């Protein structure tokens, strides 16, 4: 009989109901156990929003069982276990009717749970670029992490973290359009996110979808725009009262007007009207 490896030297395997507790107290490490399915809950902060096709995984579990334990944490207020990683295995196992699953319980707070869930998915490449961006944003927003902090925790370059987070510049309707058009490459999505306006982003999406804008072409266009400088857009001020009795529109030659300048302009218009200097102007009639 081969010698068992990995156990403390003072302990031997035995069929003892308290063996798991003894090992846990000895090593302080997380240990495996079987947990009823109805005591396990999906992670409410799961970075991945879609589980994908589970049929192949379900068939594998039906034939061979769950070969890789789920990583879970116990939540006392709910008397249940939240999944840190392994949500696809959980749903596939439920689909084939398993009543309990092999799990490794880990003591983790909200921050570590989110980190572990994100890292696990990043390593498996299960996230879309937008899901990855939202997951990184939650790490930054909820736990006050800098880009450097995030880069160290997920073993990525800081520039990669910054680039991924920039995908959040793309408005939600355009994100959906990108997914519908099959634009899922991070490099192409970055070309969309780097456009200066939403209109330019939409144009880029259309061109990429039609095969008319590659990553290199987008880079050349941005360099050209930076070199030539964009044409300054006139500053527009629009005002309409609640009763919609009129609409006021002012257009300035320059592209930026301060609040003080706007107030001064309106006062000058009011003063001119009070002096009746423009009563003879047909435009006022």
C-alpha atoms as a PDB file:
ATOM      1  CA  UNK A   1       0.000   0.000   0.000  1.00  0.00           C
ATOM      2  CA  UNK A   2       1.429   3.384  -0.963  1.00  0.00           C
ATOM      3  CA  UNK A   3       2.147   5.883   1.773  1.00  0.00           C
ATOM      4  CA  UNK A   4      -0.330   8.764   2.049  1.00  0.00           C
ATOM      5  CA  UNK A   5       1.248  12.173   1.545  1.00  0.00           C
ATOM      6  CA  UNK A   6       0.210  15.592   2.733  1.00  0.00           C
ATOM      7  CA  UNK A   7      -1.009  14.810   6.281  1.00  0.00           C
ATOM      8  CA  UNK A   8       0.624  16.071   9.479  1.00  0.00           C
ATOM      9  CA  UNK A   9       3.089  13.511  10.807  1.00  0.00           C
ATOM     10  CA  UNK A  10       1.176  13.123  14.074  1.00  0.00           C
ATOM     11  CA  UNK A  11      -2.119  12.308  12.376  1.00  0.00           C
ATOM     12  CA  UNK A  12      -3.281   9.228  10.504  1.00  0.00           C
ATOM     13  CA  UNK A  13      -6.332   8.806   8.279  1.00  0.00           C
ATOM     14  CA  UNK A  14      -9.208   7.170  10.119  1.00  0.00           C
ATOM     15  CA  UNK A  15     -12.966   6.949   9.814  1.00  0.00           C
ATOM     16  CA  UNK A  16     -13.662   9.430  12.551  1.00  0.00           C
ATOM     17  CA  UNK A  17     -16.536  11.927  12.345  1.00  0.00           C
ATOM     18  CA  UNK A  18     -14.310  14.554  13.947  1.00  0.00           C
ATOM     19  CA  UNK A  19     -11.265  14.002  11.772  1.00  0.00           C
ATOM     20  CA  UNK A  20     -11.872  17.059   9.561  1.00  0.00           C
ATOM     21  CA  UNK A  21     -12.217  19.316  12.598  1.00  0.00           C
ATOM     22  CA  UNK A  22      -9.035  17.847  14.100  1.00  0.00           C
ATOM     23  CA  UNK A  23      -7.061  18.453  10.912  1.00  0.00           C
ATOM     24  CA  UNK A  24      -8.433  21.990  10.573  1.00  0.00           C
ATOM     25  CA  UNK A  25      -7.518  22.904  14.138  1.00  0.00           C
ATOM     26  CA  UNK A  26      -4.044  21.434  13.655  1.00  0.00           C
ATOM     27  CA  UNK A  27      -3.142  23.169  10.394  1.00  0.00           C
ATOM     28  CA  UNK A  28      -5.376  26.226  10.384  1.00  0.00           C
ATOM     29  CA  UNK A  29      -5.836  25.710   6.633  1.00  0.00           C
ATOM     30  CA  UNK A  30      -9.034  25.402   4.651  1.00  0.00           C
ATOM     31  CA  UNK A  31     -10.195  21.806   4.225  1.00  0.00           C
ATOM     32  CA  UNK A  32     -12.580  19.994   1.933  1.00  0.00           C
ATOM     33  CA  UNK A  33     -16.030  18.770   2.863  1.00  0.00           C
ATOM     34  CA  UNK A  34     -19.289  17.758   1.252  1.00  0.00           C
ATOM     35  CA  UNK A  35     -21.965  20.469   1.554  1.00  0.00           C
ATOM     36  CA  UNK A  36     -25.672  20.073   0.660  1.00  0.00           C
ATOM     37  CA  UNK A  37     -26.594  21.915  -2.509  1.00  0.00           C
ATOM     38  CA  UNK A  38     -29.475  23.734  -0.798  1.00  0.00           C
ATOM     39  CA  UNK A  39     -26.964  25.317   1.626  1.00  0.00           C
ATOM     40  CA  UNK A  40     -24.875  26.814  -1.201  1.00  0.00           C
ATOM     41  CA  UNK A  41     -25.649  30.211  -2.740  1.00  0.00           C
ATOM     42  CA  UNK A  42     -24.236  31.879  -5.875  1.00  0.00           C
ATOM     43  CA  UNK A  43     -21.918  34.812  -5.259  1.00  0.00           C
ATOM     44  CA  UNK A  44     -24.006  38.028  -5.462  1.00  0.00           C
ATOM     45  CA  UNK A  45     -20.873  39.898  -6.620  1.00  0.00           C
ATOM     46  CA  UNK A  46     -19.916  37.377  -9.294  1.00  0.00           C
ATOM     47  CA  UNK A  47     -17.933  39.306 -11.960  1.00  0.00           C
ATOM     48  CA  UNK A  48     -19.180  37.032 -14.742  1.00  0.00           C
ATOM     49  CA  UNK A  49     -22.725  37.904 -15.836  1.00  0.00           C
ATOM     50  CA  UNK A  50     -23.308  34.995 -18.233  1.00  0.00           C
ATOM     51  CA  UNK A  51     -22.568  31.345 -17.489  1.00  0.00           C
ATOM     52  CA  UNK A  52     -22.393  30.196 -21.084  1.00  0.00           C
ATOM     53  CA  UNK A  53     -23.441  26.771 -22.350  1.00  0.00           C
ATOM     54  CA  UNK A  54     -23.430  24.297 -19.445  1.00  0.00           C
ATOM     55  CA  UNK A  55     -24.492  21.190 -21.352  1.00  0.00           C
ATOM     56  CA  UNK A  56     -21.018  19.738 -21.836  1.00  0.00           C
ATOM     57  CA  UNK A  57     -20.062  20.430 -18.228  1.00  0.00           C
ATOM     58  CA  UNK A  58     -23.339  18.958 -16.965  1.00  0.00           C
ATOM     59  CA  UNK A  59     -22.768  15.776 -18.949  1.00  0.00           C
ATOM     60  CA  UNK A  60     -19.243  15.468 -17.580  1.00  0.00           C
ATOM     61  CA  UNK A  61     -20.500  15.892 -14.015  1.00  0.00           C
ATOM     62  CA  UNK A  62     -23.263  13.388 -14.643  1.00  0.00           C
ATOM     63  CA  UNK A  63     -20.706  10.807 -15.768  1.00  0.00           C
ATOM     64  CA  UNK A  64     -17.778  11.525 -13.421  1.00  0.00           C
ATOM     65  CA  UNK A  65     -19.073  13.826 -10.690  1.00  0.00           C
ATOM     66  CA  UNK A  66     -17.565  17.154  -9.637  1.00  0.00           C
ATOM     67  CA  UNK A  67     -13.808  16.599  -9.900  1.00  0.00           C
ATOM     68  CA  UNK A  68     -12.729  20.044  -8.692  1.00  0.00           C
ATOM     69  CA  UNK A  69     -14.182  21.330  -5.399  1.00  0.00           C
ATOM     70  CA  UNK A  70     -15.955  24.664  -5.200  1.00  0.00           C
ATOM     71  CA  UNK A  71     -14.344  27.382  -3.111  1.00  0.00           C
ATOM     72  CA  UNK A  72     -16.914  28.776  -0.657  1.00  0.00           C
ATOM     73  CA  UNK A  73     -17.202  30.927   2.451  1.00  0.00           C
ATOM     74  CA  UNK A  74     -19.698  30.604   5.267  1.00  0.00           C
ATOM     75  CA  UNK A  75     -22.098  33.549   5.783  1.00  0.00           C
ATOM     76  CA  UNK A  76     -23.519  33.282   9.338  1.00  0.00           C
ATOM     77  CA  UNK A  77     -26.376  35.759   8.823  1.00  0.00           C
ATOM     78  CA  UNK A  78     -27.792  33.518   6.083  1.00  0.00           C
ATOM     79  CA  UNK A  79     -26.587  30.192   7.517  1.00  0.00           C
ATOM     80  CA  UNK A  80     -25.370  29.307   4.042  1.00  0.00           C
ATOM     81  CA  UNK A  81     -22.213  29.147   1.946  1.00  0.00           C
ATOM     82  CA  UNK A  82     -21.500  31.727  -0.764  1.00  0.00           C
ATOM     83  CA  UNK A  83     -19.535  30.560  -3.787  1.00  0.00           C
ATOM     84  CA  UNK A  84     -16.179  32.269  -4.273  1.00  0.00           C
ATOM     85  CA  UNK A  85     -15.292  30.237  -7.363  1.00  0.00           C
ATOM     86  CA  UNK A  86     -17.010  27.369  -9.134  1.00  0.00           C
ATOM     87  CA  UNK A  87     -20.395  28.830 -10.000  1.00  0.00           C
ATOM     88  CA  UNK A  88     -20.602  27.032 -13.357  1.00  0.00           C
ATOM     89  CA  UNK A  89     -19.914  23.717 -11.608  1.00  0.00           C
ATOM     90  CA  UNK A  90     -22.629  24.555  -9.071  1.00  0.00           C
ATOM     91  CA  UNK A  91     -25.312  25.238 -11.700  1.00  0.00           C
ATOM     92  CA  UNK A  92     -24.282  22.250 -13.818  1.00  0.00           C
ATOM     93  CA  UNK A  93     -24.391  19.957 -10.760  1.00  0.00           C
ATOM     94  CA  UNK A  94     -27.848  21.196  -9.817  1.00  0.00           C
ATOM     95  CA  UNK A  95     -29.019  20.595 -13.377  1.00  0.00           C
ATOM     96  CA  UNK A  96     -28.133  16.883 -13.115  1.00  0.00           C
ATOM     97  CA  UNK A  97     -29.680  16.530  -9.662  1.00  0.00           C
ATOM     98  CA  UNK A  98     -26.687  16.277  -7.328  1.00  0.00           C
ATOM     99  CA  UNK A  99     -27.666  16.833  -3.693  1.00  0.00           C
ATOM    100  CA  UNK A 100     -24.253  17.687  -2.259  1.00  0.00           C
ATOM    101  CA  UNK A 101     -21.018  19.068  -3.654  1.00  0.00           C
ATOM    102  CA  UNK A 102     -17.338  18.850  -2.676  1.00  0.00           C
ATOM    103  CA  UNK A 103     -16.279  22.254  -1.347  1.00  0.00           C
ATOM    104  CA  UNK A 104     -13.310  23.930   0.233  1.00  0.00           C
ATOM    105  CA  UNK A 105     -14.373  26.415   2.890  1.00  0.00           C
ATOM    106  CA  UNK A 106     -12.291  29.563   3.230  1.00  0.00           C
ATOM    107  CA  UNK A 107     -12.554  32.403   5.711  1.00  0.00           C
ATOM    108  CA  UNK A 108     -12.727  35.559   3.590  1.00  0.00           C
ATOM    109  CA  UNK A 109     -14.232  39.030   3.842  1.00  0.00           C
ATOM    110  CA  UNK A 110     -16.102  40.822   1.052  1.00  0.00           C
ATOM    111  CA  UNK A 111     -12.935  42.307  -0.424  1.00  0.00           C
ATOM    112  CA  UNK A 112     -11.063  39.008  -0.573  1.00  0.00           C
ATOM    113  CA  UNK A 113     -14.137  37.209  -1.918  1.00  0.00           C
ATOM    114  CA  UNK A 114     -14.419  39.654  -4.797  1.00  0.00           C
ATOM    115  CA  UNK A 115     -10.678  39.470  -5.428  1.00  0.00           C
ATOM    116  CA  UNK A 116     -10.677  35.672  -5.500  1.00  0.00           C
ATOM    117  CA  UNK A 117     -13.751  35.493  -7.732  1.00  0.00           C
ATOM    118  CA  UNK A 118     -12.271  37.990 -10.151  1.00  0.00           C
ATOM    119  CA  UNK A 119      -8.838  36.389 -10.195  1.00  0.00           C
ATOM    120  CA  UNK A 120     -10.310  32.915 -10.712  1.00  0.00           C
ATOM    121  CA  UNK A 121     -12.318  34.105 -13.690  1.00  0.00           C
ATOM    122  CA  UNK A 122      -9.438  36.095 -15.146  1.00  0.00           C
ATOM    123  CA  UNK A 123      -7.196  33.074 -14.977  1.00  0.00           C
ATOM    124  CA  UNK A 124      -9.813  30.973 -16.747  1.00  0.00           C
ATOM    125  CA  UNK A 125     -10.494  33.746 -19.288  1.00  0.00           C
ATOM    126  CA  UNK A 126     -14.221  33.408 -18.613  1.00  0.00           C
ATOM    127  CA  UNK A 127     -14.994  37.133 -18.559  1.00  0.00           C
ATOM    128  CA  UNK A 128     -15.843  39.374 -21.475  1.00  0.00           C
ATOM    129  CA  UNK A 129     -13.727  42.559 -21.649  1.00  0.00           C
ATOM    130  CA  UNK A 130     -16.694  44.553 -20.307  1.00  0.00           C
ATOM    131  CA  UNK A 131     -17.236  42.135 -17.396  1.00  0.00           C
ATOM    132  CA  UNK A 132     -13.523  42.340 -16.620  1.00  0.00           C
ATOM    133  CA  UNK A 133     -13.700  46.158 -16.669  1.00  0.00           C
ATOM    134  CA  UNK A 134     -16.683  46.188 -14.310  1.00  0.00           C
ATOM    135  CA  UNK A 135     -14.976  43.732 -11.943  1.00  0.00           C
ATOM    136  CA  UNK A 136     -11.819  45.847 -11.794  1.00  0.00           C
ATOM    137  CA  UNK A 137     -13.922  48.963 -11.262  1.00  0.00           C
ATOM    138  CA  UNK A 138     -15.671  47.355  -8.294  1.00  0.00           C
ATOM    139  CA  UNK A 139     -12.298  46.567  -6.742  1.00  0.00           C
ATOM    140  CA  UNK A 140     -11.259  50.201  -7.181  1.00  0.00           C
ATOM    141  CA  UNK A 141     -14.559  51.757  -6.077  1.00  0.00           C
ATOM    142  CA  UNK A 142     -15.566  49.481  -3.201  1.00  0.00           C
ATOM    143  CA  UNK A 143     -12.167  49.011  -1.625  1.00  0.00           C
ATOM    144  CA  UNK A 144     -10.354  52.196  -2.666  1.00  0.00           C
ATOM    145  CA  UNK A 145      -7.667  50.365  -4.636  1.00  0.00           C
ATOM    146  CA  UNK A 146      -5.379  52.237  -7.012  1.00  0.00           C
ATOM    147  CA  UNK A 147      -4.504  50.874 -10.438  1.00  0.00           C
ATOM    148  CA  UNK A 148      -1.160  49.787  -8.983  1.00  0.00           C
ATOM    149  CA  UNK A 149      -2.927  47.948  -6.143  1.00  0.00           C
ATOM    150  CA  UNK A 150      -5.171  46.092  -8.576  1.00  0.00           C
ATOM    151  CA  UNK A 151      -2.271  45.218 -10.875  1.00  0.00           C
ATOM    152  CA  UNK A 152      -0.377  43.601  -7.988  1.00  0.00           C
ATOM    153  CA  UNK A 153      -3.396  41.640  -6.775  1.00  0.00           C
ATOM    154  CA  UNK A 154      -4.247  40.135 -10.171  1.00  0.00           C
ATOM    155  CA  UNK A 155      -0.650  39.847 -11.429  1.00  0.00           C
ATOM    156  CA  UNK A 156      -1.171  42.154 -14.396  1.00  0.00           C
ATOM    157  CA  UNK A 157       0.754  45.132 -15.695  1.00  0.00           C
ATOM    158  CA  UNK A 158      -0.585  48.472 -14.485  1.00  0.00           C
ATOM    159  CA  UNK A 159      -1.022  49.613 -18.099  1.00  0.00           C
ATOM    160  CA  UNK A 160      -3.255  46.578 -18.750  1.00  0.00           C
ATOM    161  CA  UNK A 161      -5.449  47.484 -15.764  1.00  0.00           C
ATOM    162  CA  UNK A 162      -5.747  51.099 -16.935  1.00  0.00           C
ATOM    163  CA  UNK A 163      -6.605  50.028 -20.477  1.00  0.00           C
ATOM    164  CA  UNK A 164      -9.257  47.583 -19.293  1.00  0.00           C
ATOM    165  CA  UNK A 165     -10.869  50.185 -17.031  1.00  0.00           C
ATOM    166  CA  UNK A 166     -11.026  52.626 -19.966  1.00  0.00           C
ATOM    167  CA  UNK A 167     -13.612  50.338 -21.609  1.00  0.00           C
ATOM    168  CA  UNK A 168     -16.110  51.777 -19.141  1.00  0.00           C
ATOM    169  CA  UNK A 169     -15.947  54.988 -21.209  1.00  0.00           C
ATOM    170  CA  UNK A 170     -18.121  53.227 -23.767  1.00  0.00           C
ATOM    171  CA  UNK A 171     -21.812  53.977 -23.000  1.00  0.00           C
ATOM    172  CA  UNK A 172     -23.996  50.980 -22.156  1.00  0.00           C
ATOM    173  CA  UNK A 173     -26.055  51.086 -25.416  1.00  0.00           C
ATOM    174  CA  UNK A 174     -22.827  50.990 -27.427  1.00  0.00           C
ATOM    175  CA  UNK A 175     -21.497  48.112 -25.320  1.00  0.00           C
ATOM    176  CA  UNK A 176     -24.580  46.089 -26.217  1.00  0.00           C
ATOM    177  CA  UNK A 177     -24.135  46.962 -29.874  1.00  0.00           C
ATOM    178  CA  UNK A 178     -20.504  45.838 -29.775  1.00  0.00           C
ATOM    179  CA  UNK A 179     -21.548  42.461 -28.336  1.00  0.00           C
ATOM    180  CA  UNK A 180     -24.364  42.120 -30.898  1.00  0.00           C
ATOM    181  CA  UNK A 181     -21.907  42.846 -33.727  1.00  0.00           C
ATOM    182  CA  UNK A 182     -19.400  40.331 -32.368  1.00  0.00           C
ATOM    183  CA  UNK A 183     -16.834  42.993 -31.459  1.00  0.00           C
ATOM    184  CA  UNK A 184     -15.343  41.241 -28.427  1.00  0.00           C
ATOM    185  CA  UNK A 185     -11.622  41.698 -29.015  1.00  0.00           C
ATOM    186  CA  UNK A 186     -10.145  43.886 -26.293  1.00  0.00           C
ATOM    187  CA  UNK A 187      -7.762  45.556 -28.747  1.00  0.00           C
ATOM    188  CA  UNK A 188     -10.644  46.648 -31.007  1.00  0.00           C
ATOM    189  CA  UNK A 189     -12.830  47.712 -28.089  1.00  0.00           C
ATOM    190  CA  UNK A 190      -9.984  49.915 -26.886  1.00  0.00           C
ATOM    191  CA  UNK A 191     -10.044  51.702 -30.233  1.00  0.00           C
ATOM    192  CA  UNK A 192     -13.735  52.436 -29.636  1.00  0.00           C
ATOM    193  CA  UNK A 193     -13.163  53.594 -26.051  1.00  0.00           C
ATOM    194  CA  UNK A 194     -10.410  55.992 -27.119  1.00  0.00           C
ATOM    195  CA  UNK A 195     -12.640  57.946 -29.467  1.00  0.00           C
ATOM    196  CA  UNK A 196     -13.229  61.544 -28.242  1.00  0.00           C
ATOM    197  CA  UNK A 197     -17.030  61.573 -28.489  1.00  0.00           C
ATOM    198  CA  UNK A 198     -19.933  59.124 -28.393  1.00  0.00           C
ATOM    199  CA  UNK A 199     -20.647  59.919 -32.052  1.00  0.00           C
ATOM    200  CA  UNK A 200     -17.086  58.966 -32.977  1.00  0.00           C
ATOM    201  CA  UNK A 201     -17.429  55.773 -30.927  1.00  0.00           C
ATOM    202  CA  UNK A 202     -20.578  54.830 -32.846  1.00  0.00           C
ATOM    203  CA  UNK A 203     -18.821  55.478 -36.158  1.00  0.00           C
ATOM    204  CA  UNK A 204     -15.914  53.296 -35.056  1.00  0.00           C
ATOM    205  CA  UNK A 205     -18.292  50.460 -34.091  1.00  0.00           C
ATOM    206  CA  UNK A 206     -19.954  50.601 -37.524  1.00  0.00           C
ATOM    207  CA  UNK A 207     -16.631  50.586 -39.344  1.00  0.00           C
ATOM    208  CA  UNK A 208     -15.210  47.727 -37.266  1.00  0.00           C
ATOM    209  CA  UNK A 209     -18.402  45.690 -37.775  1.00  0.00           C
ATOM    210  CA  UNK A 210     -18.100  46.177 -41.531  1.00  0.00           C
ATOM    211  CA  UNK A 211     -14.438  45.208 -41.506  1.00  0.00           C
ATOM    212  CA  UNK A 212     -13.358  48.707 -42.436  1.00  0.00           C
ATOM    213  CA  UNK A 213     -11.387  49.714 -39.364  1.00  0.00           C
ATOM    214  CA  UNK A 214      -8.522  47.687 -37.969  1.00  0.00           C
ATOM    215  CA  UNK A 215      -6.570  48.400 -34.816  1.00  0.00           C
ATOM    216  CA  UNK A 216      -3.622  49.878 -36.762  1.00  0.00           C
ATOM    217  CA  UNK A 217      -5.906  52.063 -38.888  1.00  0.00           C
ATOM    218  CA  UNK A 218      -7.643  53.418 -35.793  1.00  0.00           C
ATOM    219  CA  UNK A 219      -4.278  54.253 -34.237  1.00  0.00           C
ATOM    220  CA  UNK A 220      -3.140  56.104 -37.379  1.00  0.00           C
ATOM    221  CA  UNK A 221      -6.368  58.114 -37.480  1.00  0.00           C
ATOM    222  CA  UNK A 222      -6.022  59.123 -33.828  1.00  0.00           C
ATOM    223  CA  UNK A 223      -2.408  60.198 -34.373  1.00  0.00           C
ATOM    224  CA  UNK A 224      -3.466  62.282 -37.372  1.00  0.00           C
ATOM    225  CA  UNK A 225      -6.244  63.956 -35.394  1.00  0.00           C
ATOM    226  CA  UNK A 226      -3.831  64.707 -32.564  1.00  0.00           C
ATOM    227  CA  UNK A 227      -1.253  66.183 -34.960  1.00  0.00           C
ATOM    228  CA  UNK A 228      -3.693  68.305 -36.951  1.00  0.00           C
ATOM    229  CA  UNK A 229      -5.762  69.230 -33.943  1.00  0.00           C
ATOM    230  CA  UNK A 230      -9.553  68.965 -33.910  1.00  0.00           C
ATOM    231  CA  UNK A 231     -11.558  71.940 -35.076  1.00  0.00           C
ATOM    232  CA  UNK A 232     -12.867  73.841 -32.017  1.00  0.00           C
ATOM    233  CA  UNK A 233     -16.610  73.546 -31.592  1.00  0.00           C
ATOM    234  CA  UNK A 234     -18.638  76.676 -30.732  1.00  0.00           C
ATOM    235  CA  UNK A 235     -20.059  76.889 -27.214  1.00  0.00           C
ATOM    236  CA  UNK A 236     -23.854  76.549 -27.152  1.00  0.00           C
ATOM    237  CA  UNK A 237     -26.195  77.657 -24.370  1.00  0.00           C
ATOM    238  CA  UNK A 238     -29.797  76.448 -24.449  1.00  0.00           C
ATOM    239  CA  UNK A 239     -32.546  77.431 -22.028  1.00  0.00           C
ATOM    240  CA  UNK A 240     -36.244  76.587 -21.905  1.00  0.00           C
ATOM    241  CA  UNK A 241     -38.553  77.405 -18.956  1.00  0.00           C
ATOM    242  CA  UNK A 242     -40.771  74.756 -17.388  1.00  0.00           C
ATOM    243  CA  UNK A 243     -43.874  76.094 -19.156  1.00  0.00           C
ATOM    244  CA  UNK A 244     -41.995  75.841 -22.474  1.00  0.00           C
ATOM    245  CA  UNK A 245     -43.226  79.282 -23.477  1.00  0.00           C
ATOM    246  CA  UNK A 246     -39.972  80.011 -25.303  1.00  0.00           C
ATOM    247  CA  UNK A 247     -36.557  78.595 -26.047  1.00  0.00           C
ATOM    248  CA  UNK A 248     -33.331  80.576 -25.810  1.00  0.00           C
ATOM    249  CA  UNK A 249     -30.251  79.535 -27.763  1.00  0.00           C
ATOM    250  CA  UNK A 250     -26.914  81.362 -27.655  1.00  0.00           C
ATOM    251  CA  UNK A 251     -23.929  80.400 -29.773  1.00  0.00           C
ATOM    252  CA  UNK A 252     -20.452  81.729 -29.029  1.00  0.00           C
ATOM    253  CA  UNK A 253     -17.499  81.766 -31.374  1.00  0.00           C
ATOM    254  CA  UNK A 254     -15.149  80.241 -28.824  1.00  0.00           C
ATOM    255  CA  UNK A 255     -15.444  76.698 -27.536  1.00  0.00           C
ATOM    256  CA  UNK A 256     -15.412  77.443 -23.791  1.00  0.00           C
ATOM    257  CA  UNK A 257     -17.419  80.071 -21.928  1.00  0.00           C
ATOM    258  CA  UNK A 258     -17.353  80.500 -18.167  1.00  0.00           C
ATOM    259  CA  UNK A 259     -20.449  80.970 -16.027  1.00  0.00           C
ATOM    260  CA  UNK A 260     -19.453  84.576 -15.364  1.00  0.00           C
ATOM    261  CA  UNK A 261     -19.068  85.283 -19.088  1.00  0.00           C
ATOM    262  CA  UNK A 262     -22.476  83.764 -19.790  1.00  0.00           C
ATOM    263  CA  UNK A 263     -24.132  85.894 -17.101  1.00  0.00           C
ATOM    264  CA  UNK A 264     -22.427  89.036 -18.447  1.00  0.00           C
ATOM    265  CA  UNK A 265     -23.644  88.238 -21.974  1.00  0.00           C
ATOM    266  CA  UNK A 266     -27.228  87.768 -20.821  1.00  0.00           C
ATOM    267  CA  UNK A 267     -27.094  91.020 -18.870  1.00  0.00           C
ATOM    268  CA  UNK A 268     -25.828  92.893 -21.920  1.00  0.00           C
ATOM    269  CA  UNK A 269     -28.725  91.506 -23.980  1.00  0.00           C
ATOM    270  CA  UNK A 270     -31.179  92.556 -21.274  1.00  0.00           C
ATOM    271  CA  UNK A 271     -29.651  96.043 -21.099  1.00  0.00           C
ATOM    272  CA  UNK A 272     -29.899  96.432 -24.867  1.00  0.00           C
ATOM    273  CA  UNK A 273     -33.555  95.408 -24.812  1.00  0.00           C
ATOM    274  CA  UNK A 274     -34.305  97.852 -22.009  1.00  0.00           C
ATOM    275  CA  UNK A 275     -32.735 100.681 -24.017  1.00  0.00           C
ATOM    276  CA  UNK A 276     -34.885  99.648 -26.983  1.00  0.00           C
ATOM    277  CA  UNK A 277     -31.787  99.761 -29.154  1.00  0.00           C
ATOM    278  CA  UNK A 278     -32.872  96.794 -31.210  1.00  0.00           C
ATOM    279  CA  UNK A 279     -36.604  97.510 -31.561  1.00  0.00           C
ATOM    280  CA  UNK A 280     -36.131  98.418 -35.190  1.00  0.00           C
ATOM    281  CA  UNK A 281     -34.282  95.203 -35.937  1.00  0.00           C
ATOM    282  CA  UNK A 282     -36.569  92.882 -37.974  1.00  0.00           C
ATOM    283  CA  UNK A 283     -35.103  89.899 -36.174  1.00  0.00           C
ATOM    284  CA  UNK A 284     -36.849  91.005 -32.957  1.00  0.00           C
ATOM    285  CA  UNK A 285     -40.286  91.263 -34.545  1.00  0.00           C
END
